[in-house]
PDB file of N, CA and C in Angstrom:
ATOM      1  N   MET A   1      86.855 154.174 133.583  1.00  0.00           N
ATOM      2  CA  MET A   1      88.029 154.664 132.611  1.00  0.00           C
ATOM      3  C   MET A   1      89.099 154.259 133.436  1.00  0.00           C
ATOM      4  N   ARG A   2      90.197 154.203 132.918  1.00  0.00           N
ATOM      5  CA  ARG A   2      91.664 153.828 133.705  1.00  0.00           C
ATOM      6  C   ARG A   2      92.521 155.595 133.095  1.00  0.00           C
ATOM      7  N   LYS A   3      92.919 155.449 134.279  1.00  0.00           N
ATOM      8  CA  LYS A   3      94.385 156.639 134.285  1.00  0.00           C
ATOM      9  C   LYS A   3      95.628 156.533 134.315  1.00  0.00           C
ATOM     10  N   TRP A   4      96.126 157.211 134.123  1.00  0.00           N
ATOM     11  CA  TRP A   4      97.508 157.036 134.839  1.00  0.00           C
ATOM     12  C   TRP A   4      97.902 157.274 136.317  1.00  0.00           C
ATOM     13  N   LEU A   5      98.616 156.941 137.491  1.00  0.00           N
ATOM     14  CA  LEU A   5      98.906 157.407 138.611  1.00  0.00           C
ATOM     15  C   LEU A   5     100.534 156.773 139.035  1.00  0.00           C
ATOM     16  N   GLU A   6     100.454 157.976 139.302  1.00  0.00           N
ATOM     17  CA  GLU A   6     102.005 158.243 139.458  1.00  0.00           C
ATOM     18  C   GLU A   6     102.540 157.988 140.434  1.00  0.00           C
ATOM     19  N   ALA A   7     103.635 156.404 140.842  1.00  0.00           N
ATOM     20  CA  ALA A   7     104.182 155.829 141.243  1.00  0.00           C
ATOM     21  C   ALA A   7     105.877 155.688 140.951  1.00  0.00           C
ATOM     22  N   VAL A   8     105.742 154.750 142.000  1.00  0.00           N
ATOM     23  CA  VAL A   8     107.556 155.070 142.270  1.00  0.00           C
ATOM     24  C   VAL A   8     107.772 153.437 142.623  1.00  0.00           C
ATOM     25  N   VAL A   9     109.575 153.212 141.695  1.00  0.00           N
ATOM     26  CA  VAL A   9     109.547 151.718 142.078  1.00  0.00           C
ATOM     27  C   VAL A   9     110.609 151.409 143.372  1.00  0.00           C
ATOM     28  N   VAL A  10     109.902 150.575 144.162  1.00  0.00           N
ATOM     29  CA  VAL A  10     110.471 150.296 145.286  1.00  0.00           C
ATOM     30  C   VAL A  10     110.625 148.990 145.687  1.00  0.00           C
ATOM     31  N   ASP A  11     111.247 148.215 144.644  1.00  0.00           N
ATOM     32  CA  ASP A  11     111.913 146.974 145.038  1.00  0.00           C
ATOM     33  C   ASP A  11     111.622 146.512 143.040  1.00  0.00           C
ATOM     34  N   LEU A  12     112.849 145.401 142.858  1.00  0.00           N
ATOM     35  CA  LEU A  12     112.623 144.863 141.388  1.00  0.00           C
ATOM     36  C   LEU A  12     113.600 143.742 141.319  1.00  0.00           C
ATOM     37  N   LYS A  13     113.205 142.724 140.630  1.00  0.00           N
ATOM     38  CA  LYS A  13     113.333 141.251 140.515  1.00  0.00           C
ATOM     39  C   LYS A  13     114.205 141.466 139.301  1.00  0.00           C
ATOM     40  N   GLU A  14     115.531 140.309 139.115  1.00  0.00           N
ATOM     41  CA  GLU A  14     116.760 140.657 137.825  1.00  0.00           C
ATOM     42  C   GLU A  14     116.840 139.129 137.740  1.00  0.00           C
ATOM     43  N   GLU A  15     116.921 138.756 136.614  1.00  0.00           N
ATOM     44  CA  GLU A  15     117.203 137.546 136.280  1.00  0.00           C
ATOM     45  C   GLU A  15     118.527 137.479 135.145  1.00  0.00           C
ATOM     46  N   GLY A  16     119.314 136.979 135.075  1.00  0.00           N
ATOM     47  CA  GLY A  16     120.109 137.467 134.190  1.00  0.00           C
ATOM     48  C   GLY A  16     120.872 138.234 133.657  1.00  0.00           C
ATOM     49  N   GLY A  17     120.562 139.228 134.758  1.00  0.00           N
ATOM     50  CA  GLY A  17     121.293 140.383 134.428  1.00  0.00           C
ATOM     51  C   GLY A  17     120.096 141.642 133.940  1.00  0.00           C
ATOM     52  N   GLN A  18     119.296 141.404 134.155  1.00  0.00           N
ATOM     53  CA  GLN A  18     118.529 142.127 133.354  1.00  0.00           C
ATOM     54  C   GLN A  18     117.376 141.987 134.164  1.00  0.00           C
ATOM     55  N   VAL A  19     116.291 143.840 135.014  1.00  0.00           N
ATOM     56  CA  VAL A  19     115.414 143.299 135.556  1.00  0.00           C
ATOM     57  C   VAL A  19     113.979 142.852 134.611  1.00  0.00           C
ATOM     58  N   LYS A  20     113.378 141.656 135.247  1.00  0.00           N
ATOM     59  CA  LYS A  20     112.204 140.937 135.152  1.00  0.00           C
ATOM     60  C   LYS A  20     110.946 141.807 135.475  1.00  0.00           C
ATOM     61  N   THR A  21     110.939 142.465 136.870  1.00  0.00           N
ATOM     62  CA  THR A  21     109.683 142.735 137.137  1.00  0.00           C
ATOM     63  C   THR A  21     110.093 143.513 138.295  1.00  0.00           C
ATOM     64  N   ILE A  22     109.253 145.175 138.165  1.00  0.00           N
ATOM     65  CA  ILE A  22     109.255 145.757 139.521  1.00  0.00           C
ATOM     66  C   ILE A  22     107.975 145.867 139.587  1.00  0.00           C
ATOM     67  N   LYS A  23     108.207 146.268 141.190  1.00  0.00           N
ATOM     68  CA  LYS A  23     107.358 146.428 142.367  1.00  0.00           C
ATOM     69  C   LYS A  23     107.017 148.087 142.285  1.00  0.00           C
ATOM     70  N   VAL A  24     105.596 148.670 142.374  1.00  0.00           N
ATOM     71  CA  VAL A  24     105.513 149.725 142.105  1.00  0.00           C
ATOM     72  C   VAL A  24     104.885 150.474 143.217  1.00  0.00           C
ATOM     73  N   HIS A  25     104.969 151.336 143.385  1.00  0.00           N
ATOM     74  CA  HIS A  25     104.108 151.516 144.746  1.00  0.00           C
ATOM     75  C   HIS A  25     103.680 153.389 144.168  1.00  0.00           C
ATOM     76  N   PHE A  26     102.165 153.281 144.454  1.00  0.00           N
ATOM     77  CA  PHE A  26     100.892 154.289 143.943  1.00  0.00           C
ATOM     78  C   PHE A  26     100.845 155.591 144.649  1.00  0.00           C
ATOM     79  N   ARG A  27     101.638 156.537 144.225  1.00  0.00           N
ATOM     80  CA  ARG A  27     101.266 157.544 145.273  1.00  0.00           C
ATOM     81  C   ARG A  27      99.825 158.303 145.695  1.00  0.00           C
ATOM     82  N   SER A  28      99.742 158.279 146.929  1.00  0.00           N
ATOM     83  CA  SER A  28      98.574 158.971 147.566  1.00  0.00           C
ATOM     84  C   SER A  28      97.853 157.693 148.219  1.00  0.00           C
ATOM     85  N   TYR A  29      98.433 156.220 147.716  1.00  0.00           N
ATOM     86  CA  TYR A  29      97.255 155.077 147.789  1.00  0.00           C
ATOM     87  C   TYR A  29      98.600 154.170 149.502  1.00  0.00           C
ATOM     88  N   ASN A  30      97.871 153.324 149.735  1.00  0.00           N
ATOM     89  CA  ASN A  30      98.104 152.673 150.590  1.00  0.00           C
ATOM     90  C   ASN A  30      98.854 151.012 150.184  1.00  0.00           C
ATOM     91  N   ALA A  31     100.394 150.686 150.984  1.00  0.00           N
ATOM     92  CA  ALA A  31     100.681 150.157 150.225  1.00  0.00           C
ATOM     93  C   ALA A  31     100.076 148.785 149.792  1.00  0.00           C
ATOM     94  N   THR A  32      99.112 148.602 150.297  1.00  0.00           N
ATOM     95  CA  THR A  32      98.652 147.441 150.012  1.00  0.00           C
ATOM     96  C   THR A  32      98.183 147.144 148.455  1.00  0.00           C
ATOM     97  N   TYR A  33      98.326 147.881 147.718  1.00  0.00           N
ATOM     98  CA  TYR A  33      98.360 148.237 146.603  1.00  0.00           C
ATOM     99  C   TYR A  33      99.273 148.549 145.446  1.00  0.00           C
ATOM    100  N   ASP A  34     100.580 148.249 145.888  1.00  0.00           N
ATOM    101  CA  ASP A  34     101.811 148.104 145.770  1.00  0.00           C
ATOM    102  C   ASP A  34     101.462 146.658 144.907  1.00  0.00           C
ATOM    103  N   GLU A  35     102.313 146.610 143.727  1.00  0.00           N
ATOM    104  CA  GLU A  35     101.747 145.475 142.696  1.00  0.00           C
ATOM    105  C   GLU A  35     102.954 145.278 142.024  1.00  0.00           C
ATOM    106  N   TRP A  36     103.406 144.000 141.371  1.00  0.00           N
ATOM    107  CA  TRP A  36     104.481 143.099 140.432  1.00  0.00           C
ATOM    108  C   TRP A  36     104.015 144.000 139.426  1.00  0.00           C
ATOM    109  N   ILE A  37     104.914 144.357 138.401  1.00  0.00           N
ATOM    110  CA  ILE A  37     104.522 144.663 137.059  1.00  0.00           C
ATOM    111  C   ILE A  37     105.736 143.682 136.126  1.00  0.00           C
ATOM    112  N   ASP A  38     105.519 143.271 135.239  1.00  0.00           N
ATOM    113  CA  ASP A  38     106.451 142.437 134.376  1.00  0.00           C
ATOM    114  C   ASP A  38     106.707 143.060 133.056  1.00  0.00           C
ATOM    115  N   CYS A  39     108.401 143.496 133.622  1.00  0.00           N
ATOM    116  CA  CYS A  39     108.351 144.608 132.460  1.00  0.00           C
ATOM    117  C   CYS A  39     108.448 143.923 130.846  1.00  0.00           C
ATOM    118  N   GLY A  40     108.317 143.170 131.061  1.00  0.00           N
ATOM    119  CA  GLY A  40     108.297 142.319 129.378  1.00  0.00           C
ATOM    120  C   GLY A  40     106.874 142.356 129.138  1.00  0.00           C
ATOM    121  N   LYS A  41     106.429 141.583 129.226  1.00  0.00           N
ATOM    122  CA  LYS A  41     104.304 141.907 129.664  1.00  0.00           C
ATOM    123  C   LYS A  41     103.776 142.760 129.389  1.00  0.00           C
ATOM    124  N   GLU A  42     104.317 143.713 130.454  1.00  0.00           N
ATOM    125  CA  GLU A  42     103.535 144.732 130.783  1.00  0.00           C
ATOM    126  C   GLU A  42     104.123 146.065 130.310  1.00  0.00           C
ATOM    127  N   ALA A  43     105.304 146.440 129.489  1.00  0.00           N
ATOM    128  CA  ALA A  43     106.310 147.263 129.482  1.00  0.00           C
ATOM    129  C   ALA A  43     104.728 148.557 129.001  1.00  0.00           C
ATOM    130  N   VAL A  44     103.948 148.377 128.699  1.00  0.00           N
ATOM    131  CA  VAL A  44     102.980 149.566 128.117  1.00  0.00           C
ATOM    132  C   VAL A  44     102.885 150.303 129.416  1.00  0.00           C
ATOM    133  N   ARG A  45     102.767 149.931 130.138  1.00  0.00           N
ATOM    134  CA  ARG A  45     102.606 150.464 131.746  1.00  0.00           C
ATOM    135  C   ARG A  45     103.176 150.663 132.099  1.00  0.00           C
ATOM    136  N   ILE A  46     104.296 150.871 131.748  1.00  0.00           N
ATOM    137  CA  ILE A  46     105.187 151.633 132.349  1.00  0.00           C
ATOM    138  C   ILE A  46     106.082 153.362 131.883  1.00  0.00           C
ATOM    139  N   LYS A  47     105.691 154.302 132.063  1.00  0.00           N
ATOM    140  CA  LYS A  47     106.182 155.396 131.562  1.00  0.00           C
ATOM    141  C   LYS A  47     106.644 156.325 132.231  1.00  0.00           C
ATOM    142  N   GLU A  48     107.616 156.880 131.778  1.00  0.00           N
ATOM    143  CA  GLU A  48     108.134 157.851 132.813  1.00  0.00           C
ATOM    144  C   GLU A  48     107.216 158.951 133.232  1.00  0.00           C
ATOM    145  N   VAL A  49     107.199 159.849 134.469  1.00  0.00           N
ATOM    146  CA  VAL A  49     106.358 161.448 134.687  1.00  0.00           C
ATOM    147  C   VAL A  49     106.789 162.069 133.852  1.00  0.00           C
ATOM    148  N   GLY A  50     105.366 162.202 133.383  1.00  0.00           N
ATOM    149  CA  GLY A  50     104.938 163.541 132.098  1.00  0.00           C
ATOM    150  C   GLY A  50     104.379 163.071 130.719  1.00  0.00           C
ATOM    151  N   SER A  51     105.289 161.876 130.735  1.00  0.00           N
ATOM    152  CA  SER A  51     105.170 160.998 129.185  1.00  0.00           C
ATOM    153  C   SER A  51     103.544 161.942 128.401  1.00  0.00           C
ATOM    154  N   PHE A  52     102.499 161.580 129.092  1.00  0.00           N
ATOM    155  CA  PHE A  52     100.882 162.448 128.458  1.00  0.00           C
ATOM    156  C   PHE A  52     100.488 163.255 129.370  1.00  0.00           C
ATOM    157  N   SER A  53     101.634 164.409 129.844  1.00  0.00           N
ATOM    158  CA  SER A  53     101.142 165.307 130.518  1.00  0.00           C
ATOM    159  C   SER A  53     102.063 166.547 130.286  1.00  0.00           C
ATOM    160  N   GLY A  54     102.015 167.820 131.008  1.00  0.00           N
ATOM    161  CA  GLY A  54     103.311 168.234 131.230  1.00  0.00           C
ATOM    162  C   GLY A  54     104.204 168.059 133.025  1.00  0.00           C
ATOM    163  N   ALA A  55     103.383 166.891 133.658  1.00  0.00           N
ATOM    164  CA  ALA A  55     103.036 166.706 134.973  1.00  0.00           C
ATOM    165  C   ALA A  55     104.787 166.646 134.729  1.00  0.00           C
ATOM    166  N   GLU A  56     105.244 167.342 136.099  1.00  0.00           N
ATOM    167  CA  GLU A  56     106.715 167.014 136.540  1.00  0.00           C
ATOM    168  C   GLU A  56     106.876 166.666 138.092  1.00  0.00           C
ATOM    169  N   GLY A  57     106.113 165.436 138.416  1.00  0.00           N
ATOM    170  CA  GLY A  57     106.063 164.895 139.338  1.00  0.00           C
ATOM    171  C   GLY A  57     107.746 164.344 140.282  1.00  0.00           C
ATOM    172  N   ALA A  58     107.427 164.493 141.490  1.00  0.00           N
ATOM    173  CA  ALA A  58     109.005 164.518 142.234  1.00  0.00           C
ATOM    174  C   ALA A  58     109.518 162.980 141.781  1.00  0.00           C
ATOM    175  N   ALA A  59     108.790 161.804 141.024  1.00  0.00           N
ATOM    176  CA  ALA A  59     109.340 160.835 140.505  1.00  0.00           C
ATOM    177  C   ALA A  59     110.731 161.410 139.495  1.00  0.00           C
ATOM    178  N   LYS A  60     110.250 162.597 138.395  1.00  0.00           N
ATOM    179  CA  LYS A  60     110.947 163.369 137.485  1.00  0.00           C
ATOM    180  C   LYS A  60     112.363 163.251 137.662  1.00  0.00           C
ATOM    181  N   TYR A  61     112.664 163.642 139.546  1.00  0.00           N
ATOM    182  CA  TYR A  61     113.738 163.969 140.035  1.00  0.00           C
ATOM    183  C   TYR A  61     114.358 163.151 140.588  1.00  0.00           C
ATOM    184  N   SER A  62     114.015 161.839 141.174  1.00  0.00           N
ATOM    185  CA  SER A  62     114.482 161.235 141.459  1.00  0.00           C
ATOM    186  C   SER A  62     115.860 160.506 140.745  1.00  0.00           C
ATOM    187  N   VAL A  63     116.984 160.114 141.545  1.00  0.00           N
ATOM    188  CA  VAL A  63     117.626 159.749 140.730  1.00  0.00           C
ATOM    189  C   VAL A  63     117.803 158.251 140.157  1.00  0.00           C
ATOM    190  N   ARG A  64     118.265 158.003 139.555  1.00  0.00           N
ATOM    191  CA  ARG A  64     118.225 156.348 138.429  1.00  0.00           C
ATOM    192  C   ARG A  64     119.351 155.706 138.728  1.00  0.00           C
ATOM    193  N   ILE A  65     118.926 154.629 139.161  1.00  0.00           N
ATOM    194  CA  ILE A  65     119.910 153.196 139.044  1.00  0.00           C
ATOM    195  C   ILE A  65     120.523 152.773 137.795  1.00  0.00           C
TER     196      ILE A  65
END
């Protein structure tokens, strides 16, 4: 069964002024599990904290660039 994990964006790659891929670090996991996600092909995997629950994780209050 798949589940949503809280993650933070730790790096990104831009192309033509647009973000193409983001590197995420999953909270409570070792950095070896960090993952690059293609924002175009895998956008369905990227949601704001609390999108599927009433959760209000630290990421919800982080500074947005």
